[in-house]
């Protein structure tokens, strides 16, 4: 079952994690993501550069790995942490990655749906809406309590189709 909503100026959709993997979602959104730069915000709840080999051509910005402009080949061979098939991985996609990378992951807030993300906006918590408004990513893909996409309506619809197709199979 797909849950949808809006946060800040973005649409979002989420599915139970068993319906798909991040790698499948990236492949399904290939046309939307090609040419963008990816910023890894969480890799198995940690930092990708500390837990996995750094892909060729990627750079480090603060504690986040940043890709060069994404090609179709890169998207088809998308990196994903090995623990639980990419669970607790999160990616922000930008036309041009920000010069300062100070993004926090939503996926690590266990038990919280995007529908309840505003409840985390307290001192010491996490204001996802504010982060989205400041960073202005094109698309966000993550997997925590649920697998999710934040972006435009087309990206969310394509994401929902992936989950529906996998669940029916």
N, C-alpha and C. Protein backbone atom coordinates (compact mmCIF):
# COMPACT_ATOMS: atom_id res chain seq x y z
N UNK A 1 0.84 -1.18 0.00
CA UNK A 1 0.00 0.00 0.00
C UNK A 1 0.89 1.25 0.00
N UNK A 2 0.61 2.16 -0.90
CA UNK A 2 1.36 3.40 -1.02
C UNK A 2 0.69 4.48 -0.18
N UNK A 3 1.48 5.19 0.60
CA UNK A 3 1.01 6.35 1.33
C UNK A 3 1.61 7.57 0.67
N UNK A 4 0.82 8.62 0.50
CA UNK A 4 1.30 9.83 -0.17
C UNK A 4 0.95 11.07 0.63
N UNK A 5 1.62 12.16 0.29
CA UNK A 5 1.32 13.43 0.93
C UNK A 5 2.21 14.53 0.39
N UNK A 6 2.23 15.63 1.10
CA UNK A 6 3.08 16.77 0.74
C UNK A 6 3.84 17.22 1.98
N UNK A 7 5.07 17.66 1.73
CA UNK A 7 5.89 18.26 2.78
C UNK A 7 6.65 19.40 2.12
N UNK A 8 6.56 20.57 2.73
CA UNK A 8 7.11 21.79 2.14
C UNK A 8 6.52 21.90 0.73
N UNK A 9 7.35 22.10 -0.30
CA UNK A 9 6.85 22.23 -1.68
C UNK A 9 6.94 20.92 -2.45
N UNK A 10 7.06 19.82 -1.76
CA UNK A 10 7.30 18.53 -2.38
C UNK A 10 6.16 17.55 -2.16
N UNK A 11 5.99 16.68 -3.15
CA UNK A 11 5.13 15.52 -2.99
C UNK A 11 6.00 14.41 -2.40
N UNK A 12 5.40 13.47 -1.74
CA UNK A 12 6.13 12.30 -1.26
C UNK A 12 5.24 11.07 -1.36
N UNK A 13 5.91 9.93 -1.41
CA UNK A 13 5.22 8.64 -1.40
C UNK A 13 6.10 7.66 -0.64
N UNK A 14 5.47 6.75 0.08
CA UNK A 14 6.24 5.71 0.77
C UNK A 14 5.52 4.38 0.68
N UNK A 15 6.34 3.35 0.73
CA UNK A 15 5.89 1.96 0.63
C UNK A 15 6.53 1.15 1.75
N UNK A 16 5.92 0.05 2.15
CA UNK A 16 6.63 -0.85 3.06
C UNK A 16 7.95 -1.29 2.43
N UNK A 17 8.99 -1.41 3.21
CA UNK A 17 10.32 -1.69 2.69
C UNK A 17 10.41 -3.00 1.91
N UNK A 18 9.55 -3.94 2.20
CA UNK A 18 9.64 -5.22 1.49
C UNK A 18 9.11 -5.16 0.06
N UNK A 19 8.53 -4.04 -0.36
CA UNK A 19 7.96 -3.94 -1.70
C UNK A 19 8.98 -3.60 -2.77
N UNK A 20 10.14 -3.08 -2.40
CA UNK A 20 11.17 -2.72 -3.39
C UNK A 20 12.46 -2.37 -2.64
N UNK A 21 13.52 -2.20 -3.41
CA UNK A 21 14.81 -1.75 -2.87
C UNK A 21 15.17 -0.41 -3.51
N UNK A 22 16.02 0.33 -2.84
CA UNK A 22 16.45 1.63 -3.37
C UNK A 22 16.98 1.47 -4.79
N UNK A 23 17.77 0.45 -5.02
CA UNK A 23 18.35 0.23 -6.35
C UNK A 23 17.26 0.15 -7.42
N UNK A 24 16.16 -0.52 -7.12
CA UNK A 24 15.05 -0.63 -8.07
C UNK A 24 14.40 0.72 -8.32
N UNK A 25 14.27 1.51 -7.27
CA UNK A 25 13.65 2.83 -7.39
C UNK A 25 14.53 3.74 -8.25
N UNK A 26 15.83 3.72 -8.00
CA UNK A 26 16.75 4.53 -8.81
C UNK A 26 16.64 4.14 -10.28
N UNK A 27 16.62 2.86 -10.56
CA UNK A 27 16.49 2.41 -11.96
C UNK A 27 15.17 2.86 -12.56
N UNK A 28 14.10 2.80 -11.79
CA UNK A 28 12.78 3.21 -12.29
C UNK A 28 12.72 4.71 -12.57
N UNK A 29 13.51 5.48 -11.84
CA UNK A 29 13.53 6.94 -12.01
C UNK A 29 14.71 7.40 -12.87
N UNK A 30 15.31 6.46 -13.60
CA UNK A 30 16.52 6.76 -14.38
C UNK A 30 16.36 8.02 -15.24
N UNK A 31 15.25 8.14 -15.97
CA UNK A 31 15.06 9.31 -16.84
C UNK A 31 15.02 10.61 -16.05
N UNK A 32 14.51 10.56 -14.85
CA UNK A 32 14.42 11.76 -13.99
C UNK A 32 15.77 12.08 -13.35
N UNK A 33 16.59 11.07 -13.06
CA UNK A 33 17.83 11.25 -12.31
C UNK A 33 19.06 11.45 -13.19
N UNK A 34 19.00 11.00 -14.44
CA UNK A 34 20.17 11.11 -15.32
C UNK A 34 20.58 12.58 -15.46
N UNK A 35 21.88 12.83 -15.29
CA UNK A 35 22.42 14.19 -15.37
C UNK A 35 22.48 14.91 -14.04
N UNK A 36 21.73 14.42 -13.04
CA UNK A 36 21.77 15.03 -11.71
C UNK A 36 23.00 14.53 -10.96
N UNK A 37 23.30 15.18 -9.84
CA UNK A 37 24.35 14.71 -8.94
C UNK A 37 23.68 14.14 -7.70
N UNK A 38 24.21 13.04 -7.20
CA UNK A 38 23.68 12.38 -6.01
C UNK A 38 24.56 12.73 -4.81
N UNK A 39 23.92 12.94 -3.68
CA UNK A 39 24.61 13.14 -2.41
C UNK A 39 24.12 12.05 -1.46
N UNK A 40 25.05 11.22 -0.99
CA UNK A 40 24.67 10.18 -0.05
C UNK A 40 24.59 10.78 1.34
N UNK A 41 23.41 10.70 1.93
CA UNK A 41 23.15 11.28 3.25
C UNK A 41 23.23 10.22 4.35
N UNK A 42 22.94 8.98 3.98
CA UNK A 42 23.05 7.87 4.94
C UNK A 42 23.35 6.59 4.19
N UNK A 43 24.27 5.81 4.74
CA UNK A 43 24.64 4.50 4.18
C UNK A 43 24.60 3.51 5.33
N UNK A 44 23.56 2.70 5.37
CA UNK A 44 23.37 1.77 6.48
C UNK A 44 23.48 2.51 7.82
N UNK A 45 22.84 3.68 7.88
CA UNK A 45 22.80 4.57 9.06
C UNK A 45 24.12 5.29 9.34
N UNK A 46 25.11 5.11 8.49
CA UNK A 46 26.40 5.77 8.70
C UNK A 46 26.80 6.58 7.49
N UNK A 47 28.11 6.73 7.31
CA UNK A 47 28.66 7.49 6.19
C UNK A 47 29.26 6.53 5.17
N UNK A 48 28.85 6.68 3.94
CA UNK A 48 29.27 5.76 2.89
C UNK A 48 30.78 5.67 2.78
N UNK A 49 31.47 6.82 2.87
CA UNK A 49 32.92 6.80 2.69
C UNK A 49 33.65 6.04 3.80
N UNK A 50 32.98 5.82 4.93
CA UNK A 50 33.58 5.05 6.02
C UNK A 50 33.24 3.56 5.95
N UNK A 51 32.18 3.23 5.20
CA UNK A 51 31.67 1.86 5.22
C UNK A 51 31.74 1.13 3.89
N UNK A 52 32.11 1.83 2.82
CA UNK A 52 32.13 1.21 1.49
C UNK A 52 33.20 1.88 0.64
N UNK A 53 33.62 1.19 -0.41
CA UNK A 53 34.58 1.81 -1.33
C UNK A 53 33.96 3.05 -1.99
N UNK A 54 34.78 4.05 -2.20
CA UNK A 54 34.31 5.27 -2.86
C UNK A 54 34.33 5.02 -4.37
N UNK A 55 33.18 5.18 -5.04
CA UNK A 55 33.16 4.97 -6.49
C UNK A 55 34.08 5.97 -7.21
N UNK A 56 34.64 5.53 -8.34
CA UNK A 56 35.51 6.39 -9.14
C UNK A 56 34.78 7.67 -9.55
N UNK A 57 35.47 8.80 -9.40
CA UNK A 57 34.92 10.07 -9.82
C UNK A 57 34.07 10.78 -8.78
N UNK A 58 33.78 10.11 -7.66
CA UNK A 58 32.97 10.72 -6.61
C UNK A 58 33.88 11.54 -5.70
N UNK A 59 33.31 12.53 -5.03
CA UNK A 59 34.09 13.39 -4.14
C UNK A 59 33.44 13.44 -2.76
N UNK A 60 34.19 13.92 -1.80
CA UNK A 60 33.71 14.03 -0.42
C UNK A 60 33.40 15.49 -0.11
N UNK A 61 32.20 15.74 0.41
CA UNK A 61 31.78 17.07 0.84
C UNK A 61 31.29 16.91 2.27
N UNK A 62 32.05 17.45 3.21
CA UNK A 62 31.78 17.21 4.64
C UNK A 62 31.80 15.69 4.84
N UNK A 63 30.74 15.11 5.36
CA UNK A 63 30.68 13.65 5.55
C UNK A 63 29.83 12.95 4.50
N UNK A 64 29.60 13.61 3.38
CA UNK A 64 28.74 13.05 2.34
C UNK A 64 29.53 12.81 1.06
N UNK A 65 29.31 11.66 0.43
CA UNK A 65 29.87 11.42 -0.89
C UNK A 65 28.98 12.06 -1.94
N UNK A 66 29.61 12.68 -2.93
CA UNK A 66 28.89 13.37 -4.00
C UNK A 66 29.32 12.76 -5.33
N UNK A 67 28.35 12.43 -6.14
CA UNK A 67 28.63 11.82 -7.44
C UNK A 67 28.93 12.90 -8.48
N UNK A 68 29.60 12.50 -9.56
CA UNK A 68 29.63 13.37 -10.74
C UNK A 68 28.23 13.33 -11.36
N UNK A 69 27.96 14.09 -12.41
CA UNK A 69 26.66 13.98 -13.07
C UNK A 69 26.39 12.52 -13.44
N UNK A 70 25.20 12.06 -13.10
CA UNK A 70 24.85 10.65 -13.24
C UNK A 70 24.56 10.26 -14.68
N UNK A 71 25.12 9.13 -15.07
CA UNK A 71 24.86 8.56 -16.39
C UNK A 71 23.89 7.40 -16.24
N UNK A 72 23.32 6.99 -17.35
CA UNK A 72 22.41 5.85 -17.32
C UNK A 72 23.11 4.61 -16.78
N UNK A 73 24.37 4.42 -17.17
CA UNK A 73 25.14 3.26 -16.69
C UNK A 73 25.31 3.31 -15.17
N UNK A 74 25.62 4.48 -14.62
CA UNK A 74 25.78 4.61 -13.17
C UNK A 74 24.46 4.29 -12.46
N UNK A 75 23.36 4.75 -13.01
CA UNK A 75 22.06 4.53 -12.39
C UNK A 75 21.65 3.06 -12.44
N UNK A 76 22.01 2.37 -13.51
CA UNK A 76 21.68 0.94 -13.62
C UNK A 76 22.52 0.10 -12.66
N UNK A 77 23.69 0.60 -12.26
CA UNK A 77 24.59 -0.12 -11.36
C UNK A 77 24.68 0.63 -10.03
N UNK A 78 23.53 1.03 -9.49
CA UNK A 78 23.49 1.91 -8.33
C UNK A 78 24.04 1.24 -7.07
N UNK A 79 24.91 1.96 -6.32
CA UNK A 79 25.43 1.38 -5.08
C UNK A 79 24.34 1.31 -4.00
N UNK A 80 24.40 0.29 -3.22
CA UNK A 80 23.42 0.08 -2.16
C UNK A 80 24.12 -0.66 -1.04
N UNK A 81 23.90 -0.24 0.20
CA UNK A 81 24.54 -0.93 1.31
C UNK A 81 24.05 -2.38 1.36
N UNK A 82 24.90 -3.25 1.86
CA UNK A 82 24.59 -4.67 1.87
C UNK A 82 23.65 -5.09 2.99
N UNK A 83 23.55 -4.30 4.02
CA UNK A 83 22.72 -4.66 5.16
C UNK A 83 21.24 -4.42 4.83
N UNK A 84 20.45 -5.45 4.88
CA UNK A 84 19.01 -5.35 4.64
C UNK A 84 18.67 -4.71 3.30
N UNK A 85 19.47 -4.98 2.28
CA UNK A 85 19.19 -4.53 0.91
C UNK A 85 19.00 -3.02 0.81
N UNK A 86 19.89 -2.28 1.43
CA UNK A 86 19.86 -0.83 1.32
C UNK A 86 19.02 -0.12 2.36
N UNK A 87 18.53 -0.84 3.34
CA UNK A 87 17.74 -0.18 4.37
C UNK A 87 18.64 0.76 5.16
N UNK A 88 18.13 1.93 5.45
CA UNK A 88 18.83 3.01 6.13
C UNK A 88 19.88 3.68 5.23
N UNK A 89 19.62 3.63 3.91
CA UNK A 89 20.36 4.44 2.94
C UNK A 89 19.45 5.60 2.56
N UNK A 90 20.06 6.74 2.27
CA UNK A 90 19.29 7.89 1.82
C UNK A 90 20.13 8.72 0.85
N UNK A 91 19.49 9.16 -0.22
CA UNK A 91 20.15 9.90 -1.29
C UNK A 91 19.37 11.16 -1.64
N UNK A 92 20.08 12.27 -1.79
CA UNK A 92 19.52 13.52 -2.31
C UNK A 92 20.09 13.71 -3.70
N UNK A 93 19.24 14.10 -4.65
CA UNK A 93 19.66 14.31 -6.03
C UNK A 93 19.44 15.77 -6.40
N UNK A 94 20.47 16.39 -6.98
CA UNK A 94 20.46 17.81 -7.32
C UNK A 94 20.91 18.03 -8.76
N UNK A 95 20.40 19.09 -9.38
CA UNK A 95 20.95 19.50 -10.67
C UNK A 95 22.42 19.84 -10.50
N UNK A 96 22.76 20.48 -9.41
CA UNK A 96 24.14 20.75 -9.03
C UNK A 96 24.21 20.62 -7.51
N UNK A 97 25.08 19.74 -7.06
CA UNK A 97 25.19 19.49 -5.61
C UNK A 97 25.57 20.78 -4.89
N UNK A 98 25.06 20.99 -3.70
CA UNK A 98 25.40 22.21 -2.95
C UNK A 98 26.88 22.24 -2.58
N UNK A 99 27.42 23.45 -2.48
CA UNK A 99 28.82 23.62 -2.10
C UNK A 99 29.06 23.16 -0.67
N UNK A 100 28.07 23.37 0.18
CA UNK A 100 28.16 22.92 1.58
C UNK A 100 27.17 21.77 1.76
N UNK A 101 27.66 20.67 2.24
CA UNK A 101 26.82 19.49 2.44
C UNK A 101 26.57 19.30 3.93
N UNK A 102 25.45 19.80 4.38
CA UNK A 102 25.11 19.61 5.80
C UNK A 102 23.72 19.00 5.91
N UNK A 103 23.50 17.94 5.16
CA UNK A 103 22.20 17.29 5.12
C UNK A 103 22.11 16.21 6.19
N UNK A 104 20.95 16.12 6.79
CA UNK A 104 20.69 15.09 7.79
C UNK A 104 19.73 14.06 7.20
N UNK A 105 19.91 12.79 7.55
CA UNK A 105 19.01 11.76 7.02
C UNK A 105 17.71 11.67 7.81
N UNK A 106 16.62 11.49 7.08
CA UNK A 106 15.33 11.19 7.70
C UNK A 106 15.22 9.70 8.00
N UNK A 107 15.86 8.88 7.15
CA UNK A 107 15.66 7.43 7.22
C UNK A 107 16.08 6.83 8.56
N UNK A 108 16.90 7.52 9.32
CA UNK A 108 17.40 6.96 10.58
C UNK A 108 16.47 7.23 11.77
N UNK A 109 15.37 7.95 11.55
CA UNK A 109 14.40 8.20 12.60
C UNK A 109 13.43 7.02 12.61
N UNK A 110 13.79 5.97 13.28
CA UNK A 110 13.02 4.73 13.29
C UNK A 110 11.59 4.93 13.73
N UNK A 111 10.68 4.30 13.01
CA UNK A 111 9.27 4.30 13.38
C UNK A 111 8.49 5.52 12.93
N UNK A 112 9.12 6.45 12.20
CA UNK A 112 8.43 7.67 11.81
C UNK A 112 8.17 7.67 10.31
N UNK A 113 6.91 7.83 9.96
CA UNK A 113 6.49 7.97 8.56
C UNK A 113 6.67 9.43 8.13
N UNK A 114 6.82 9.64 6.83
CA UNK A 114 6.85 11.01 6.32
C UNK A 114 5.59 11.77 6.71
N UNK A 115 4.49 11.07 6.86
CA UNK A 115 3.23 11.70 7.27
C UNK A 115 3.36 12.36 8.65
N UNK A 116 4.29 11.88 9.46
CA UNK A 116 4.48 12.41 10.82
C UNK A 116 5.81 13.14 10.97
N UNK A 117 6.47 13.47 9.87
CA UNK A 117 7.80 14.07 9.95
C UNK A 117 7.81 15.41 10.69
N UNK A 118 6.73 16.15 10.65
CA UNK A 118 6.67 17.44 11.36
C UNK A 118 6.81 17.26 12.87
N UNK A 119 6.46 16.09 13.37
CA UNK A 119 6.57 15.83 14.81
C UNK A 119 8.02 15.82 15.28
N UNK A 120 8.96 15.69 14.36
CA UNK A 120 10.39 15.67 14.71
C UNK A 120 10.99 17.07 14.78
N UNK A 121 10.23 18.08 14.40
CA UNK A 121 10.75 19.46 14.37
C UNK A 121 10.68 20.09 15.76
N UNK A 122 11.57 19.64 16.61
CA UNK A 122 11.69 20.16 17.98
C UNK A 122 13.17 20.37 18.25
N UNK A 123 13.54 21.15 19.27
CA UNK A 123 14.97 21.34 19.56
C UNK A 123 15.67 19.99 19.75
N UNK A 124 16.72 19.77 18.99
CA UNK A 124 17.44 18.51 19.04
C UNK A 124 16.84 17.46 18.12
N UNK A 125 15.74 17.77 17.47
CA UNK A 125 15.09 16.85 16.54
C UNK A 125 15.53 17.12 15.12
N UNK A 126 14.62 16.97 14.19
CA UNK A 126 14.95 17.12 12.78
C UNK A 126 13.78 17.74 12.04
N UNK A 127 14.00 18.89 11.45
CA UNK A 127 12.97 19.60 10.69
C UNK A 127 13.19 19.31 9.20
N UNK A 128 12.58 18.23 8.72
CA UNK A 128 12.75 17.82 7.33
C UNK A 128 12.23 18.89 6.37
N UNK A 129 11.09 19.49 6.67
CA UNK A 129 10.53 20.52 5.78
C UNK A 129 11.51 21.68 5.62
N UNK A 130 12.13 22.10 6.71
CA UNK A 130 13.11 23.19 6.63
C UNK A 130 14.33 22.77 5.82
N UNK A 131 14.80 21.54 6.00
CA UNK A 131 15.95 21.07 5.24
C UNK A 131 15.63 21.05 3.74
N UNK A 132 14.45 20.56 3.39
CA UNK A 132 14.06 20.52 1.98
C UNK A 132 13.96 21.94 1.40
N UNK A 133 13.39 22.85 2.16
CA UNK A 133 13.23 24.23 1.70
C UNK A 133 14.59 24.91 1.50
N UNK A 134 15.56 24.58 2.32
CA UNK A 134 16.89 25.17 2.22
C UNK A 134 17.72 24.50 1.12
N UNK A 135 17.75 23.19 1.11
CA UNK A 135 18.61 22.45 0.18
C UNK A 135 18.06 22.43 -1.24
N UNK A 136 16.75 22.38 -1.40
CA UNK A 136 16.07 22.34 -2.70
C UNK A 136 16.52 21.18 -3.60
N UNK A 137 16.50 19.94 -3.10
CA UNK A 137 16.86 18.81 -3.97
C UNK A 137 15.79 18.62 -5.04
N UNK A 138 16.18 17.96 -6.12
CA UNK A 138 15.21 17.60 -7.15
C UNK A 138 14.41 16.38 -6.71
N UNK A 139 15.12 15.41 -6.12
CA UNK A 139 14.50 14.15 -5.68
C UNK A 139 15.26 13.66 -4.45
N UNK A 140 14.56 13.02 -3.54
CA UNK A 140 15.17 12.33 -2.40
C UNK A 140 14.63 10.90 -2.40
N UNK A 141 15.53 9.94 -2.22
CA UNK A 141 15.14 8.53 -2.13
C UNK A 141 15.77 7.97 -0.86
N UNK A 142 14.97 7.31 -0.05
CA UNK A 142 15.51 6.73 1.18
C UNK A 142 14.74 5.50 1.61
N UNK A 143 15.32 4.80 2.56
CA UNK A 143 14.71 3.59 3.09
C UNK A 143 15.01 3.52 4.58
N UNK A 144 13.98 3.64 5.38
CA UNK A 144 14.13 3.54 6.83
C UNK A 144 12.97 2.73 7.36
N UNK A 145 12.05 3.38 8.05
CA UNK A 145 10.82 2.72 8.48
C UNK A 145 10.03 2.27 7.26
N UNK A 146 10.11 3.06 6.20
CA UNK A 146 9.49 2.73 4.91
C UNK A 146 10.44 3.18 3.81
N UNK A 147 10.23 2.66 2.62
CA UNK A 147 10.96 3.11 1.44
C UNK A 147 10.22 4.34 0.94
N UNK A 148 10.95 5.42 0.60
CA UNK A 148 10.26 6.66 0.24
C UNK A 148 10.94 7.43 -0.87
N UNK A 149 10.14 8.25 -1.53
CA UNK A 149 10.59 9.22 -2.51
C UNK A 149 9.96 10.55 -2.17
N UNK A 150 10.77 11.60 -2.24
CA UNK A 150 10.30 12.97 -2.09
C UNK A 150 10.69 13.67 -3.39
N UNK A 151 9.74 14.32 -4.04
CA UNK A 151 10.05 14.99 -5.30
C UNK A 151 8.79 15.59 -5.90
N UNK A 152 8.69 15.48 -7.22
CA UNK A 152 7.48 15.97 -7.88
C UNK A 152 6.49 14.82 -8.01
N UNK A 153 5.31 15.15 -8.47
CA UNK A 153 4.26 14.14 -8.56
C UNK A 153 4.62 13.00 -9.51
N UNK A 154 5.32 13.33 -10.61
CA UNK A 154 5.70 12.29 -11.57
C UNK A 154 6.65 11.28 -10.94
N UNK A 155 7.64 11.75 -10.17
CA UNK A 155 8.58 10.83 -9.50
C UNK A 155 7.84 9.96 -8.50
N UNK A 156 6.92 10.54 -7.76
CA UNK A 156 6.17 9.76 -6.77
C UNK A 156 5.27 8.73 -7.44
N UNK A 157 4.68 9.08 -8.56
CA UNK A 157 3.82 8.14 -9.29
C UNK A 157 4.63 6.98 -9.83
N UNK A 158 5.81 7.27 -10.37
CA UNK A 158 6.67 6.20 -10.91
C UNK A 158 7.12 5.28 -9.78
N UNK A 159 7.46 5.87 -8.64
CA UNK A 159 7.85 5.11 -7.45
C UNK A 159 6.71 4.19 -7.01
N UNK A 160 5.49 4.72 -6.96
CA UNK A 160 4.35 3.92 -6.54
C UNK A 160 4.12 2.75 -7.49
N UNK A 161 4.36 2.97 -8.78
CA UNK A 161 4.20 1.89 -9.76
C UNK A 161 5.20 0.77 -9.51
N UNK A 162 6.43 1.11 -9.12
CA UNK A 162 7.44 0.09 -8.81
C UNK A 162 6.94 -0.79 -7.65
N UNK A 163 6.48 -0.17 -6.61
CA UNK A 163 5.98 -0.92 -5.46
C UNK A 163 4.79 -1.77 -5.79
N UNK A 164 3.87 -1.23 -6.60
CA UNK A 164 2.67 -1.98 -6.99
C UNK A 164 3.07 -3.19 -7.85
N UNK A 165 3.96 -2.96 -8.81
CA UNK A 165 4.38 -4.06 -9.69
C UNK A 165 5.08 -5.15 -8.89
N UNK A 166 5.94 -4.77 -7.96
CA UNK A 166 6.67 -5.77 -7.15
C UNK A 166 5.73 -6.52 -6.21
N UNK A 167 4.75 -5.83 -5.68
CA UNK A 167 3.84 -6.46 -4.73
C UNK A 167 2.91 -7.45 -5.42
N UNK A 168 2.53 -7.12 -6.68
CA UNK A 168 1.65 -8.00 -7.42
C UNK A 168 2.36 -9.21 -7.99
N UNK A 169 3.69 -9.09 -8.16
CA UNK A 169 4.47 -10.17 -8.79
C UNK A 169 4.55 -11.41 -7.92
